[in-house]
Amino acid sequence: MSPSSGQAAVTFKAACPECRARFELAADALRLAIGRRATFYSFTCPQCSASVRKPAGERIVELLTGGGVSTLRSV
């Protein structure tokens, strides 16, 4: 996952593990969950509608939060 920016809103490059499609998603199409035991981001594939959930390390968290992705923190 990597951000792509320009004059428009930030988008993120992503891929679906189900259909193998590659695409760009706007920040509002992604969700980030940060927890004590697991941190991950999720989205719905625009090609096959699969629910995708992938682990997020520190760098991914920085990119997503910096790009305006909605974040849920568990306590």
PDB file of N, CA and C in Angstrom:
ATOM      1  N   MET A   1       0.840  -1.158   0.000  1.00  0.00           N
ATOM      2  CA  MET A   1       0.000   0.000   0.000  1.00  0.00           C
ATOM      3  C   MET A   1       0.885   1.221   0.000  1.00  0.00           C
ATOM      4  N   SER A   2       0.607   2.152  -0.887  1.00  0.00           N
ATOM      5  CA  SER A   2       1.376   3.389  -0.924  1.00  0.00           C
ATOM      6  C   SER A   2       0.457   4.530  -1.326  1.00  0.00           C
ATOM      7  N   PRO A   3       0.684   5.717  -0.725  1.00  0.00           N
ATOM      8  CA  PRO A   3      -0.175   6.845  -1.073  1.00  0.00           C
ATOM      9  C   PRO A   3       0.218   7.435  -2.407  1.00  0.00           C
ATOM     10  N   SER A   4      -0.734   8.006  -3.063  1.00  0.00           N
ATOM     11  CA  SER A   4      -0.493   8.716  -4.307  1.00  0.00           C
ATOM     12  C   SER A   4      -1.181  10.057  -4.168  1.00  0.00           C
ATOM     13  N   SER A   5      -0.418  11.127  -4.268  1.00  0.00           N
ATOM     14  CA  SER A   5      -1.042  12.431  -4.099  1.00  0.00           C
ATOM     15  C   SER A   5      -0.714  13.326  -5.272  1.00  0.00           C
ATOM     16  N   GLY A   6      -1.502  14.308  -5.407  1.00  0.00           N
ATOM     17  CA  GLY A   6      -1.327  15.286  -6.461  1.00  0.00           C
ATOM     18  C   GLY A   6      -2.177  16.464  -6.067  1.00  0.00           C
ATOM     19  N   GLN A   7      -2.842  17.050  -6.999  1.00  0.00           N
ATOM     20  CA  GLN A   7      -3.712  18.168  -6.691  1.00  0.00           C
ATOM     21  C   GLN A   7      -5.036  17.686  -6.124  1.00  0.00           C
ATOM     22  N   ALA A   8      -5.399  16.459  -6.371  1.00  0.00           N
ATOM     23  CA  ALA A   8      -6.643  15.896  -5.859  1.00  0.00           C
ATOM     24  C   ALA A   8      -6.398  15.298  -4.477  1.00  0.00           C
ATOM     25  N   ALA A   9      -7.417  14.675  -3.933  1.00  0.00           N
ATOM     26  CA  ALA A   9      -7.308  14.031  -2.623  1.00  0.00           C
ATOM     27  C   ALA A   9      -6.316  12.868  -2.678  1.00  0.00           C
ATOM     28  N   VAL A  10      -5.812  12.507  -1.526  1.00  0.00           N
ATOM     29  CA  VAL A  10      -4.871  11.383  -1.427  1.00  0.00           C
ATOM     30  C   VAL A  10      -5.600  10.086  -1.754  1.00  0.00           C
ATOM     31  N   THR A  11      -4.935   9.235  -2.537  1.00  0.00           N
ATOM     32  CA  THR A  11      -5.459   7.891  -2.800  1.00  0.00           C
ATOM     33  C   THR A  11      -4.385   6.891  -2.418  1.00  0.00           C
ATOM     34  N   PHE A  12      -4.810   5.665  -2.181  1.00  0.00           N
ATOM     35  CA  PHE A  12      -3.897   4.612  -1.766  1.00  0.00           C
ATOM     36  C   PHE A  12      -3.973   3.462  -2.746  1.00  0.00           C
ATOM     37  N   LYS A  13      -2.818   2.973  -3.172  1.00  0.00           N
ATOM     38  CA  LYS A  13      -2.772   1.815  -4.054  1.00  0.00           C
ATOM     39  C   LYS A  13      -2.980   0.575  -3.209  1.00  0.00           C
ATOM     40  N   ALA A  14      -3.800  -0.329  -3.692  1.00  0.00           N
ATOM     41  CA  ALA A  14      -4.103  -1.552  -2.957  1.00  0.00           C
ATOM     42  C   ALA A  14      -4.316  -2.690  -3.942  1.00  0.00           C
ATOM     43  N   ALA A  15      -4.353  -3.893  -3.405  1.00  0.00           N
ATOM     44  CA  ALA A  15      -4.597  -5.085  -4.225  1.00  0.00           C
ATOM     45  C   ALA A  15      -5.497  -6.038  -3.448  1.00  0.00           C
ATOM     46  N   CYS A  16      -6.308  -6.762  -4.177  1.00  0.00           N
ATOM     47  CA  CYS A  16      -7.217  -7.732  -3.576  1.00  0.00           C
ATOM     48  C   CYS A  16      -6.586  -9.127  -3.624  1.00  0.00           C
ATOM     49  N   PRO A  17      -6.501  -9.805  -2.483  1.00  0.00           N
ATOM     50  CA  PRO A  17      -5.941 -11.151  -2.483  1.00  0.00           C
ATOM     51  C   PRO A  17      -6.885 -12.193  -3.106  1.00  0.00           C
ATOM     52  N   GLU A  18      -8.168 -11.858  -3.229  1.00  0.00           N
ATOM     53  CA  GLU A  18      -9.148 -12.789  -3.803  1.00  0.00           C
ATOM     54  C   GLU A  18      -9.094 -12.795  -5.330  1.00  0.00           C
ATOM     55  N   CYS A  19      -9.284 -11.625  -5.940  1.00  0.00           N
ATOM     56  CA  CYS A  19      -9.352 -11.557  -7.403  1.00  0.00           C
ATOM     57  C   CYS A  19      -8.063 -11.038  -8.033  1.00  0.00           C
ATOM     58  N   ARG A  20      -7.108 -10.630  -7.197  1.00  0.00           N
ATOM     59  CA  ARG A  20      -5.805 -10.131  -7.636  1.00  0.00           C
ATOM     60  C   ARG A  20      -5.865  -8.796  -8.381  1.00  0.00           C
ATOM     61  N   ALA A  21      -6.983  -8.109  -8.301  1.00  0.00           N
ATOM     62  CA  ALA A  21      -7.106  -6.799  -8.943  1.00  0.00           C
ATOM     63  C   ALA A  21      -6.248  -5.782  -8.194  1.00  0.00           C
ATOM     64  N   ARG A  22      -5.734  -4.805  -8.928  1.00  0.00           N
ATOM     65  CA  ARG A  22      -4.979  -3.696  -8.343  1.00  0.00           C
ATOM     66  C   ARG A  22      -5.755  -2.427  -8.659  1.00  0.00           C
ATOM     67  N   PHE A  23      -5.807  -1.522  -7.692  1.00  0.00           N
ATOM     68  CA  PHE A  23      -6.631  -0.336  -7.839  1.00  0.00           C
ATOM     69  C   PHE A  23      -6.175   0.729  -6.854  1.00  0.00           C
ATOM     70  N   GLU A  24      -6.787   1.898  -6.943  1.00  0.00           N
ATOM     71  CA  GLU A  24      -6.535   2.978  -5.995  1.00  0.00           C
ATOM     72  C   GLU A  24      -7.824   3.234  -5.230  1.00  0.00           C
ATOM     73  N   LEU A  25      -7.662   3.508  -3.931  1.00  0.00           N
ATOM     74  CA  LEU A  25      -8.809   3.778  -3.070  1.00  0.00           C
ATOM     75  C   LEU A  25      -8.644   5.141  -2.406  1.00  0.00           C
ATOM     76  N   ALA A  26      -9.742   5.852  -2.259  1.00  0.00           N
ATOM     77  CA  ALA A  26      -9.739   7.107  -1.509  1.00  0.00           C
ATOM     78  C   ALA A  26      -9.676   6.783  -0.021  1.00  0.00           C
ATOM     79  N   ALA A  27      -9.259   7.744   0.776  1.00  0.00           N
ATOM     80  CA  ALA A  27      -9.136   7.541   2.223  1.00  0.00           C
ATOM     81  C   ALA A  27     -10.444   7.077   2.852  1.00  0.00           C
ATOM     82  N   ASP A  28     -11.574   7.559   2.350  1.00  0.00           N
ATOM     83  CA  ASP A  28     -12.848   7.166   2.959  1.00  0.00           C
ATOM     84  C   ASP A  28     -13.278   5.743   2.616  1.00  0.00           C
ATOM     85  N   ALA A  29     -12.547   5.065   1.743  1.00  0.00           N
ATOM     86  CA  ALA A  29     -12.845   3.665   1.406  1.00  0.00           C
ATOM     87  C   ALA A  29     -12.067   2.694   2.295  1.00  0.00           C
ATOM     88  N   LEU A  30     -11.193   3.229   3.135  1.00  0.00           N
ATOM     89  CA  LEU A  30     -10.356   2.409   4.010  1.00  0.00           C
ATOM     90  C   LEU A  30     -10.703   2.656   5.471  1.00  0.00           C
ATOM     91  N   ARG A  31     -10.462   1.656   6.302  1.00  0.00           N
ATOM     92  CA  ARG A  31     -10.613   1.778   7.748  1.00  0.00           C
ATOM     93  C   ARG A  31      -9.348   1.232   8.382  1.00  0.00           C
ATOM     94  N   LEU A  32      -8.904   1.887   9.443  1.00  0.00           N
ATOM     95  CA  LEU A  32      -7.721   1.450  10.170  1.00  0.00           C
ATOM     96  C   LEU A  32      -8.128   1.152  11.599  1.00  0.00           C
ATOM     97  N   ALA A  33      -7.768  -0.015  12.095  1.00  0.00           N
ATOM     98  CA  ALA A  33      -8.051  -0.405  13.481  1.00  0.00           C
ATOM     99  C   ALA A  33      -6.725  -0.610  14.196  1.00  0.00           C
ATOM    100  N   ILE A  34      -6.541   0.129  15.285  1.00  0.00           N
ATOM    101  CA  ILE A  34      -5.304   0.035  16.058  1.00  0.00           C
ATOM    102  C   ILE A  34      -5.653  -0.537  17.424  1.00  0.00           C
ATOM    103  N   GLY A  35      -5.092  -1.693  17.718  1.00  0.00           N
ATOM    104  CA  GLY A  35      -5.370  -2.340  18.991  1.00  0.00           C
ATOM    105  C   GLY A  35      -4.102  -2.764  19.696  1.00  0.00           C
ATOM    106  N   ARG A  36      -4.253  -3.250  20.883  1.00  0.00           N
ATOM    107  CA  ARG A  36      -3.086  -3.728  21.643  1.00  0.00           C
ATOM    108  C   ARG A  36      -2.486  -4.977  21.023  1.00  0.00           C
ATOM    109  N   ARG A  37      -3.341  -5.864  20.574  1.00  0.00           N
ATOM    110  CA  ARG A  37      -2.855  -7.143  20.031  1.00  0.00           C
ATOM    111  C   ARG A  37      -2.706  -7.153  18.521  1.00  0.00           C
ATOM    112  N   ALA A  38      -3.524  -6.372  17.837  1.00  0.00           N
ATOM    113  CA  ALA A  38      -3.476  -6.390  16.369  1.00  0.00           C
ATOM    114  C   ALA A  38      -3.810  -5.011  15.811  1.00  0.00           C
ATOM    115  N   THR A  39      -3.116  -4.643  14.757  1.00  0.00           N
ATOM    116  CA  THR A  39      -3.404  -3.419  14.024  1.00  0.00           C
ATOM    117  C   THR A  39      -3.563  -3.820  12.565  1.00  0.00           C
ATOM    118  N   PHE A  40      -4.669  -3.368  11.964  1.00  0.00           N
ATOM    119  CA  PHE A  40      -4.931  -3.761  10.584  1.00  0.00           C
ATOM    120  C   PHE A  40      -5.732  -2.685   9.878  1.00  0.00           C
ATOM    121  N   TYR A  41      -5.722  -2.756   8.544  1.00  0.00           N
ATOM    122  CA  TYR A  41      -6.585  -1.900   7.752  1.00  0.00           C
ATOM    123  C   TYR A  41      -7.498  -2.790   6.939  1.00  0.00           C
ATOM    124  N   SER A  42      -8.649  -2.252   6.560  1.00  0.00           N
ATOM    125  CA  SER A  42      -9.609  -3.051   5.809  1.00  0.00           C
ATOM    126  C   SER A  42     -10.284  -2.191   4.741  1.00  0.00           C
ATOM    127  N   PHE A  43     -10.791  -2.883   3.738  1.00  0.00           N
ATOM    128  CA  PHE A  43     -11.517  -2.230   2.655  1.00  0.00           C
ATOM    129  C   PHE A  43     -12.314  -3.293   1.913  1.00  0.00           C
ATOM    130  N   THR A  44     -13.235  -2.851   1.078  1.00  0.00           N
ATOM    131  CA  THR A  44     -14.006  -3.749   0.221  1.00  0.00           C
ATOM    132  C   THR A  44     -13.455  -3.612  -1.189  1.00  0.00           C
ATOM    133  N   CYS A  45     -13.133  -4.738  -1.816  1.00  0.00           N
ATOM    134  CA  CYS A  45     -12.588  -4.714  -3.170  1.00  0.00           C
ATOM    135  C   CYS A  45     -13.634  -4.155  -4.137  1.00  0.00           C
ATOM    136  N   PRO A  46     -13.266  -3.131  -4.908  1.00  0.00           N
ATOM    137  CA  PRO A  46     -14.223  -2.565  -5.859  1.00  0.00           C
ATOM    138  C   PRO A  46     -14.492  -3.484  -7.059  1.00  0.00           C
ATOM    139  N   GLN A  47     -13.666  -4.499  -7.265  1.00  0.00           N
ATOM    140  CA  GLN A  47     -13.854  -5.414  -8.394  1.00  0.00           C
ATOM    141  C   GLN A  47     -14.754  -6.599  -8.049  1.00  0.00           C
ATOM    142  N   CYS A  48     -14.448  -7.269  -6.924  1.00  0.00           N
ATOM    143  CA  CYS A  48     -15.182  -8.499  -6.591  1.00  0.00           C
ATOM    144  C   CYS A  48     -15.999  -8.392  -5.303  1.00  0.00           C
ATOM    145  N   SER A  49     -15.956  -7.248  -4.638  1.00  0.00           N
ATOM    146  CA  SER A  49     -16.701  -6.977  -3.405  1.00  0.00           C
ATOM    147  C   SER A  49     -16.252  -7.798  -2.197  1.00  0.00           C
ATOM    148  N   ALA A  50     -15.069  -8.388  -2.267  1.00  0.00           N
ATOM    149  CA  ALA A  50     -14.543  -9.142  -1.126  1.00  0.00           C
ATOM    150  C   ALA A  50     -14.169  -8.175  -0.002  1.00  0.00           C
ATOM    151  N   SER A  51     -14.399  -8.601   1.229  1.00  0.00           N
ATOM    152  CA  SER A  51     -13.946  -7.833   2.390  1.00  0.00           C
ATOM    153  C   SER A  51     -12.494  -8.201   2.622  1.00  0.00           C
ATOM    154  N   VAL A  52     -11.619  -7.215   2.591  1.00  0.00           N
ATOM    155  CA  VAL A  52     -10.178  -7.454   2.718  1.00  0.00           C
ATOM    156  C   VAL A  52      -9.689  -6.852   4.025  1.00  0.00           C
ATOM    157  N   ARG A  53      -8.885  -7.618   4.737  1.00  0.00           N
ATOM    158  CA  ARG A  53      -8.291  -7.163   5.993  1.00  0.00           C
ATOM    159  C   ARG A  53      -6.814  -7.535   5.960  1.00  0.00           C
ATOM    160  N   LYS A  54      -5.953  -6.536   6.157  1.00  0.00           N
ATOM    161  CA  LYS A  54      -4.510  -6.765   6.095  1.00  0.00           C
ATOM    162  C   LYS A  54      -3.834  -6.157   7.312  1.00  0.00           C
ATOM    163  N   PRO A  55      -2.762  -6.790   7.793  1.00  0.00           N
ATOM    164  CA  PRO A  55      -2.043  -6.233   8.942  1.00  0.00           C
ATOM    165  C   PRO A  55      -1.382  -4.909   8.570  1.00  0.00           C
ATOM    166  N   ALA A  56      -1.263  -4.028   9.567  1.00  0.00           N
ATOM    167  CA  ALA A  56      -0.651  -2.723   9.339  1.00  0.00           C
ATOM    168  C   ALA A  56       0.474  -2.493  10.330  1.00  0.00           C
ATOM    169  N   GLY A  57       1.681  -2.361   9.801  1.00  0.00           N
ATOM    170  CA  GLY A  57       2.832  -2.018  10.625  1.00  0.00           C
ATOM    171  C   GLY A  57       2.891  -0.514  10.840  1.00  0.00           C
ATOM    172  N   GLU A  58       3.929  -0.069  11.514  1.00  0.00           N
ATOM    173  CA  GLU A  58       4.068   1.349  11.845  1.00  0.00           C
ATOM    174  C   GLU A  58       4.047   2.258  10.620  1.00  0.00           C
ATOM    175  N   ARG A  59       4.741   1.874   9.574  1.00  0.00           N
ATOM    176  CA  ARG A  59       4.811   2.704   8.365  1.00  0.00           C
ATOM    177  C   ARG A  59       3.438   2.833   7.693  1.00  0.00           C
ATOM    178  N   ILE A  60       2.706   1.735   7.612  1.00  0.00           N
ATOM    179  CA  ILE A  60       1.368   1.762   7.018  1.00  0.00           C
ATOM    180  C   ILE A  60       0.451   2.647   7.861  1.00  0.00           C
ATOM    181  N   VAL A  61       0.539   2.529   9.185  1.00  0.00           N
ATOM    182  CA  VAL A  61      -0.273   3.364  10.076  1.00  0.00           C
ATOM    183  C   VAL A  61       0.029   4.838   9.825  1.00  0.00           C
ATOM    184  N   GLU A  62       1.297   5.189   9.703  1.00  0.00           N
ATOM    185  CA  GLU A  62       1.685   6.577   9.421  1.00  0.00           C
ATOM    186  C   GLU A  62       1.085   7.066   8.108  1.00  0.00           C
ATOM    187  N   LEU A  63       1.202   6.250   7.064  1.00  0.00           N
ATOM    188  CA  LEU A  63       0.691   6.640   5.750  1.00  0.00           C
ATOM    189  C   LEU A  63      -0.829   6.818   5.772  1.00  0.00           C
ATOM    190  N   LEU A  64      -1.522   5.863   6.387  1.00  0.00           N
ATOM    191  CA  LEU A  64      -2.979   5.921   6.403  1.00  0.00           C
ATOM    192  C   LEU A  64      -3.502   7.079   7.246  1.00  0.00           C
ATOM    193  N   THR A  65      -2.961   7.252   8.434  1.00  0.00           N
ATOM    194  CA  THR A  65      -3.434   8.353   9.282  1.00  0.00           C
ATOM    195  C   THR A  65      -3.077   9.709   8.663  1.00  0.00           C
ATOM    196  N   GLY A  66      -1.900   9.798   8.068  1.00  0.00           N
ATOM    197  CA  GLY A  66      -1.497  11.034   7.403  1.00  0.00           C
ATOM    198  C   GLY A  66      -2.355  11.355   6.194  1.00  0.00           C
ATOM    199  N   GLY A  67      -2.929  10.316   5.582  1.00  0.00           N
ATOM    200  CA  GLY A  67      -3.769  10.495   4.411  1.00  0.00           C
ATOM    201  C   GLY A  67      -5.240  10.663   4.728  1.00  0.00           C
ATOM    202  N   GLY A  68      -5.576  10.707   6.034  1.00  0.00           N
ATOM    203  CA  GLY A  68      -6.965  10.979   6.419  1.00  0.00           C
ATOM    204  C   GLY A  68      -7.859   9.761   6.568  1.00  0.00           C
ATOM    205  N   VAL A  69      -7.287   8.570   6.672  1.00  0.00           N
ATOM    206  CA  VAL A  69      -8.095   7.364   6.833  1.00  0.00           C
ATOM    207  C   VAL A  69      -8.704   7.340   8.240  1.00  0.00           C
ATOM    208  N   SER A  70      -9.971   6.999   8.325  1.00  0.00           N
ATOM    209  CA  SER A  70     -10.676   6.893   9.594  1.00  0.00           C
ATOM    210  C   SER A  70     -10.022   5.807  10.463  1.00  0.00           C
ATOM    211  N   THR A  71      -9.775   6.154  11.725  1.00  0.00           N
ATOM    212  CA  THR A  71      -9.057   5.243  12.620  1.00  0.00           C
ATOM    213  C   THR A  71      -9.893   4.910  13.841  1.00  0.00           C
ATOM    214  N   LEU A  72      -9.910   3.624  14.188  1.00  0.00           N
ATOM    215  CA  LEU A  72     -10.569   3.140  15.393  1.00  0.00           C
ATOM    216  C   LEU A  72      -9.483   2.627  16.306  1.00  0.00           C
ATOM    217  N   ARG A  73      -9.444   3.121  17.528  1.00  0.00           N
ATOM    218  CA  ARG A  73      -8.462   2.666  18.513  1.00  0.00           C
ATOM    219  C   ARG A  73      -9.194   1.914  19.608  1.00  0.00           C
ATOM    220  N   SER A  74      -8.716   0.705  19.907  1.00  0.00           N
ATOM    221  CA  SER A  74      -9.334  -0.047  20.993  1.00  0.00           C
ATOM    222  C   SER A  74      -8.570   0.196  22.280  1.00  0.00           C
ATOM    223  N   VAL A  75      -9.257   0.127  23.374  1.00  0.00           N
ATOM    224  CA  VAL A  75      -8.645   0.376  24.678  1.00  0.00           C
ATOM    225  C   VAL A  75      -8.423  -0.877  25.447  1.00  0.00           C
TER     226      VAL A  75
END
